[in-house]
Amino acid sequence: MTVLKTIRQILFSLVFTAFTLNSWAIERWESPAYLQQSFLTIALQREYDKKANPRLLRWEKPIDVYFESDFGDALLQKELLSVQLKHLSFITGVPISFNENKEDSNIFIVFTAYKNLEPKVEEYIGDPDTIREAIQEAICLGTFFSNRQSQIIKGAIIIPVDYARQKARFLDCIIEEITQLMGLPNDSNDVYPSIFNDSSIDSYISPLDYLLLKMLYSKRLNAGMSIQETKRVLPLAIRDLFDFGEVKNAARLSREYSLQEYLGD
C-alpha cells in the first residue's frame, strides 16, 4: 500500500507540474505570429479613414511639442505629458522635446474645456465637419499629417479636461493619443493587452504596445512601406526583438521611464 501510495503521489506531482508549466507558458503577445498580426492591425489599418492601400507611417525627424492649456492644472498636465514623452522617446529613439515657439513646433497638445473643443479643432486640425464622427465618439482627439513619403510631419492632440475626467479617461487620453501619434493609428479589440483596445482595462503602455513601437521604429522598416512590403520585412524585425532580449524583458522595459513607474502604480 505504501508503494502504491508513493506511485500515486509521484503521478499526481507530474500531472500538477505539467499543468503548472502550461500555465506559465509564454504569453500570447510573445508569439511571433501574434506580434506580426497585431502590428499589421494597429499600424496599417485606420479607425476612421479606411484606405485601400495604406502605408506605414512614422516620424523621421525630431519632434518639437507645443503645449497649451486654458483649463485645469497646467503644471500637472505638463508634468504628466513630459513623463509620457520621455517614455516614448526612450522606446522609439525619436528625440522629443518641448518648444515654446508655436511656429517651430510639429506637435500641438492642447488641454481645454469641452465647450472649447470645436474651436480648438478648427484652430489646430481643420474643419470640424471633416472629423465629425470622431468628435461625436471620442473622448479626446488626436490626428497627424504626413508627406508624400508617408513621414509624419505634424500632429495635434486636443484633450477636453473636464469631459475626460468625467469619463475617468484623463490619463488614458495623455498616454493613448500621444502614443498613436507616433504612427500607430488604429484601435482594435483583437489586440490584447493594449491601450489600442477599447475593451481593455490597460491605461499604461503594455508589453505588447512596447513591442509594437519597437517594431515601428526598427531599422528594418521604413516610412511608406505597403502592407506587402511590411509583411516581407517584419519577421526580421521581430526576430531582432527576440535576439536582443526585447520580448523576454518587455514587461520590465515597458515600465522604464513610464507614467506607471512615475506614479507608482
Protein backbone atom coordinates (compact mmCIF):
# COMPACT_ATOMS: atom_id res chain seq x y z
CA MET A 1 0.00 0.00 0.00
CA THR A 2 2.87 2.33 0.82
CA VAL A 3 4.48 1.74 -2.59
CA LEU A 4 1.15 2.27 -4.37
CA LYS A 5 0.53 5.46 -2.43
CA THR A 6 4.02 6.70 -3.33
CA ILE A 7 3.41 5.98 -7.03
CA ARG A 8 0.12 7.86 -6.90
CA GLN A 9 1.83 10.82 -5.27
CA ILE A 10 4.51 10.84 -7.98
CA LEU A 11 1.89 10.67 -10.75
CA PHE A 12 -0.10 13.47 -9.14
CA SER A 13 3.05 15.53 -8.82
CA LEU A 14 3.88 15.02 -12.51
CA VAL A 15 0.37 15.99 -13.60
CA PHE A 16 0.42 19.08 -11.37
CA THR A 17 3.84 20.07 -12.67
CA ALA A 18 2.69 19.70 -16.28
CA PHE A 19 -0.37 21.83 -15.55
CA THR A 20 1.74 24.46 -13.81
CA LEU A 21 4.26 24.63 -16.65
CA ASN A 22 1.42 25.02 -19.12
CA SER A 23 0.01 27.87 -17.03
CA TRP A 24 3.42 29.53 -17.14
CA ALA A 25 3.66 29.16 -20.92
CA ILE A 26 4.58 32.21 -22.93
CA GLU A 27 2.04 34.98 -23.15
CA ARG A 28 0.08 35.25 -26.38
CA TRP A 29 1.83 38.51 -27.25
CA GLU A 30 5.21 36.74 -27.12
CA SER A 31 4.31 34.71 -30.20
CA PRO A 32 5.96 35.94 -33.44
CA ALA A 33 2.71 35.32 -35.36
CA TYR A 34 0.67 37.32 -32.85
CA LEU A 35 3.21 40.16 -32.85
CA GLN A 36 3.08 40.34 -36.64
CA GLN A 37 -0.71 40.31 -36.87
CA SER A 38 -1.06 42.87 -34.07
CA PHE A 39 1.39 45.21 -35.78
CA LEU A 40 -0.35 44.95 -39.15
CA THR A 41 -3.69 45.66 -37.45
CA ILE A 42 -2.58 48.67 -35.42
CA ALA A 43 -0.02 50.23 -37.79
CA LEU A 44 -1.60 49.59 -41.18
CA GLN A 45 -5.32 49.84 -40.58
CA ARG A 46 -7.27 53.01 -39.84
CA GLU A 47 -10.09 53.59 -37.38
CA TYR A 48 -11.81 56.49 -39.16
CA ASP A 49 -10.01 56.61 -42.52
CA LYS A 50 -10.31 53.37 -44.47
CA LYS A 51 -7.60 53.33 -47.16
CA ALA A 52 -7.35 50.79 -49.93
CA ASN A 53 -3.56 50.79 -49.88
CA PRO A 54 -2.36 52.10 -46.51
CA ARG A 55 1.31 52.88 -46.00
CA LEU A 56 3.50 52.58 -42.94
CA LEU A 57 3.69 55.93 -41.16
CA ARG A 58 6.29 57.15 -38.70
CA TRP A 59 8.42 60.14 -37.71
CA GLU A 60 11.80 60.50 -39.36
CA LYS A 61 12.71 63.82 -37.72
CA PRO A 62 12.83 65.06 -34.10
CA ILE A 63 9.53 66.05 -32.52
CA ASP A 64 9.01 69.53 -31.07
CA VAL A 65 5.94 69.76 -28.85
CA TYR A 66 3.98 72.94 -28.27
CA PHE A 67 2.00 72.73 -25.03
CA GLU A 68 -1.11 74.81 -24.43
CA SER A 69 -3.55 74.79 -21.52
CA ASP A 70 -6.50 77.04 -20.83
CA PHE A 71 -8.35 74.74 -18.44
CA GLY A 72 -7.33 72.72 -15.36
CA ASP A 73 -3.97 72.35 -13.64
CA ALA A 74 -1.46 73.31 -16.34
CA LEU A 75 1.57 72.38 -14.23
CA LEU A 76 0.27 68.88 -13.58
CA GLN A 77 -0.74 68.45 -17.20
CA LYS A 78 2.71 69.39 -18.44
CA GLU A 79 4.38 67.20 -15.83
CA LEU A 80 2.41 64.11 -16.88
CA LEU A 81 2.92 64.95 -20.52
CA SER A 82 6.66 65.34 -20.03
CA VAL A 83 6.99 61.87 -18.50
CA GLN A 84 5.00 60.28 -21.31
CA LEU A 85 7.05 62.00 -24.00
CA LYS A 86 10.29 60.88 -22.36
CA HIS A 87 8.95 57.33 -22.26
CA LEU A 88 8.10 57.34 -25.97
CA SER A 89 11.47 58.80 -26.87
CA PHE A 90 13.17 56.06 -24.83
CA ILE A 91 11.25 53.34 -26.68
CA THR A 92 11.40 54.67 -30.24
CA GLY A 93 14.69 56.56 -30.27
CA VAL A 94 12.96 59.63 -31.71
CA PRO A 95 14.15 62.84 -29.98
CA ILE A 96 11.16 64.59 -28.36
CA SER A 97 11.27 67.95 -26.59
CA PHE A 98 9.08 70.92 -25.72
CA ASN A 99 9.24 74.03 -27.85
CA GLU A 100 7.80 77.32 -26.64
CA ASN A 101 7.75 78.66 -30.18
CA LYS A 102 4.46 77.65 -31.77
CA GLU A 103 5.70 78.26 -35.29
CA ASP A 104 8.65 75.89 -34.90
CA SER A 105 6.66 73.04 -33.35
CA ASN A 106 5.31 69.99 -35.15
CA ILE A 107 3.03 68.55 -32.47
CA PHE A 108 0.45 70.68 -30.68
CA ILE A 109 -1.03 69.32 -27.46
CA VAL A 110 -3.94 71.30 -26.07
CA PHE A 111 -5.71 70.89 -22.73
CA THR A 112 -9.01 72.73 -22.78
CA ALA A 113 -12.66 72.63 -21.70
CA TYR A 114 -15.23 70.56 -23.56
CA LYS A 115 -17.11 73.70 -24.63
CA ASN A 116 -13.97 74.83 -26.47
CA LEU A 117 -13.43 71.53 -28.29
CA GLU A 118 -14.69 72.54 -31.72
CA PRO A 119 -12.93 75.94 -31.79
CA LYS A 120 -9.67 74.17 -30.89
CA VAL A 121 -10.27 71.53 -33.56
CA GLU A 122 -10.76 74.30 -36.10
CA GLU A 123 -7.57 76.05 -34.93
CA TYR A 124 -5.25 73.05 -34.79
CA ILE A 125 -6.77 70.36 -37.01
CA GLY A 126 -9.18 71.89 -39.50
CA ASP A 127 -12.86 71.95 -40.33
CA PRO A 128 -14.68 70.07 -37.52
CA ASP A 129 -17.19 68.69 -40.02
CA THR A 130 -14.46 66.63 -41.69
CA ILE A 131 -13.95 64.65 -38.45
CA ARG A 132 -17.49 64.88 -37.11
CA GLU A 133 -17.66 61.13 -36.37
CA ALA A 134 -14.51 61.29 -34.26
CA ILE A 135 -15.72 64.37 -32.39
CA GLN A 136 -19.01 62.67 -31.55
CA GLU A 137 -17.49 59.34 -30.49
CA ALA A 138 -14.11 60.13 -28.97
CA ILE A 139 -13.36 61.44 -25.50
CA CYS A 140 -10.20 63.15 -26.71
CA LEU A 141 -8.88 63.78 -30.22
CA GLY A 142 -5.57 63.14 -31.90
CA THR A 143 -4.54 63.34 -35.53
CA PHE A 144 -1.42 63.63 -37.63
CA PHE A 145 -0.42 64.66 -41.12
CA SER A 146 2.13 63.02 -43.37
CA ASN A 147 4.02 63.93 -46.53
CA ARG A 148 4.19 62.01 -49.80
CA GLN A 149 6.88 59.74 -48.36
CA SER A 150 4.46 58.78 -45.53
CA GLN A 151 6.67 60.50 -42.98
CA ILE A 152 4.66 62.09 -40.18
CA ILE A 153 5.42 65.79 -40.21
CA LYS A 154 2.76 67.30 -37.94
CA GLY A 155 0.26 66.28 -35.30
CA ALA A 156 -2.29 67.64 -32.86
CA ILE A 157 -3.96 66.36 -29.71
CA ILE A 158 -6.89 68.05 -28.02
CA ILE A 159 -7.95 66.89 -24.57
CA PRO A 160 -11.16 68.32 -23.09
CA VAL A 161 -10.04 68.03 -19.47
CA ASP A 162 -13.46 68.21 -17.81
CA TYR A 163 -15.02 65.64 -20.15
CA ALA A 164 -12.03 63.29 -19.93
CA ARG A 165 -12.12 63.42 -16.13
CA GLN A 166 -15.88 62.87 -16.12
CA LYS A 167 -15.29 59.67 -18.12
CA ALA A 168 -12.30 58.71 -15.93
CA ARG A 169 -10.08 58.78 -19.03
CA PHE A 170 -7.83 61.78 -18.43
CA LEU A 171 -4.62 59.77 -18.03
CA ASP A 172 -5.67 57.40 -20.81
CA CYS A 173 -6.03 60.36 -23.18
CA ILE A 174 -2.50 61.53 -22.49
CA ILE A 175 -0.98 58.08 -22.96
CA GLU A 176 -3.02 56.68 -25.85
CA GLU A 177 -3.33 59.76 -28.06
CA ILE A 178 0.36 60.63 -27.93
CA THR A 179 1.38 57.02 -28.50
CA GLN A 180 -0.88 56.80 -31.54
CA LEU A 181 0.72 59.93 -32.96
CA MET A 182 3.97 58.01 -33.20
CA GLY A 183 2.42 56.09 -36.12
CA LEU A 184 0.07 53.51 -34.59
CA PRO A 185 -3.30 55.00 -35.59
CA ASN A 186 -5.74 52.12 -35.25
CA ASP A 187 -7.77 50.67 -32.38
CA SER A 188 -8.77 47.01 -32.31
CA ASN A 189 -10.35 44.63 -29.84
CA ASP A 190 -8.33 41.84 -31.45
CA VAL A 191 -5.09 43.19 -29.96
CA TYR A 192 -4.62 42.47 -26.27
CA PRO A 193 -3.31 43.57 -23.84
CA SER A 194 -3.05 47.03 -25.33
CA ILE A 195 -4.01 50.66 -24.91
CA PHE A 196 -5.24 50.40 -28.52
CA ASN A 197 -8.00 48.03 -27.40
CA ASP A 198 -11.11 49.96 -26.32
CA SER A 199 -12.34 46.96 -24.34
CA SER A 200 -9.07 46.57 -22.44
CA ILE A 201 -8.54 47.86 -18.92
CA ASP A 202 -4.96 48.84 -19.74
CA SER A 203 -4.23 52.51 -19.12
CA TYR A 204 -0.47 52.30 -19.47
CA ILE A 205 1.70 51.12 -22.35
CA SER A 206 1.64 47.33 -22.14
CA PRO A 207 4.49 44.97 -23.03
CA LEU A 208 2.75 44.36 -26.36
CA ASP A 209 2.45 48.11 -27.02
CA TYR A 210 6.15 48.46 -26.22
CA LEU A 211 6.99 45.82 -28.82
CA LEU A 212 4.69 47.41 -31.42
CA LEU A 213 6.58 50.69 -31.00
CA LYS A 214 9.93 48.90 -31.22
CA MET A 215 8.80 47.23 -34.46
CA LEU A 216 7.54 50.51 -35.92
CA TYR A 217 10.92 52.17 -35.40
CA SER A 218 13.01 49.17 -36.33
CA LYS A 219 15.81 49.90 -38.81
CA ARG A 220 14.33 47.09 -40.89
CA LEU A 221 11.26 49.18 -41.67
CA ASN A 222 10.80 52.47 -43.48
CA ALA A 223 8.04 55.03 -43.77
CA GLY A 224 5.97 54.44 -46.88
CA MET A 225 6.09 50.65 -46.91
CA SER A 226 2.98 48.92 -48.25
CA ILE A 227 1.30 46.04 -46.45
CA GLN A 228 3.10 43.50 -48.64
CA GLU A 229 6.48 45.19 -48.19
CA THR A 230 5.93 45.30 -44.45
CA LYS A 231 4.96 41.63 -44.33
CA ARG A 232 8.21 40.66 -46.05
CA VAL A 233 10.45 42.58 -43.65
CA LEU A 234 8.51 42.38 -40.39
CA PRO A 235 9.64 38.82 -39.48
CA LEU A 236 13.23 40.09 -39.46
CA ALA A 237 12.31 42.97 -37.16
CA ILE A 238 10.51 40.56 -34.85
CA ARG A 239 13.48 38.20 -34.86
CA ASP A 240 15.66 41.14 -33.78
CA LEU A 241 13.35 41.70 -30.81
CA PHE A 242 13.87 38.12 -29.70
CA ASP A 243 17.62 38.17 -30.37
CA PHE A 244 18.11 41.41 -28.39
CA GLY A 245 16.01 40.20 -25.44
CA GLU A 246 13.29 42.80 -26.03
CA VAL A 247 10.47 40.25 -25.96
CA LYS A 248 11.80 38.42 -22.92
CA ASN A 249 12.18 41.68 -20.98
CA ALA A 250 9.22 43.58 -22.43
CA ALA A 251 7.25 43.53 -19.17
CA ARG A 252 10.11 45.29 -17.38
CA LEU A 253 11.22 47.55 -20.23
CA SER A 254 7.70 48.82 -20.87
CA ARG A 255 7.69 50.32 -17.36
CA GLU A 256 11.05 52.11 -17.54
CA TYR A 257 10.57 55.91 -17.62
CA SER A 258 6.81 55.34 -17.86
CA LEU A 259 3.97 57.16 -16.17
CA GLN A 260 3.14 53.87 -14.49
CA GLU A 261 6.55 53.83 -12.84
CA TYR A 262 6.42 57.58 -12.14
CA LEU A 263 3.03 57.34 -10.43
CA GLY A 264 3.96 54.15 -8.60
CA ASP A 265 1.10 52.07 -10.00
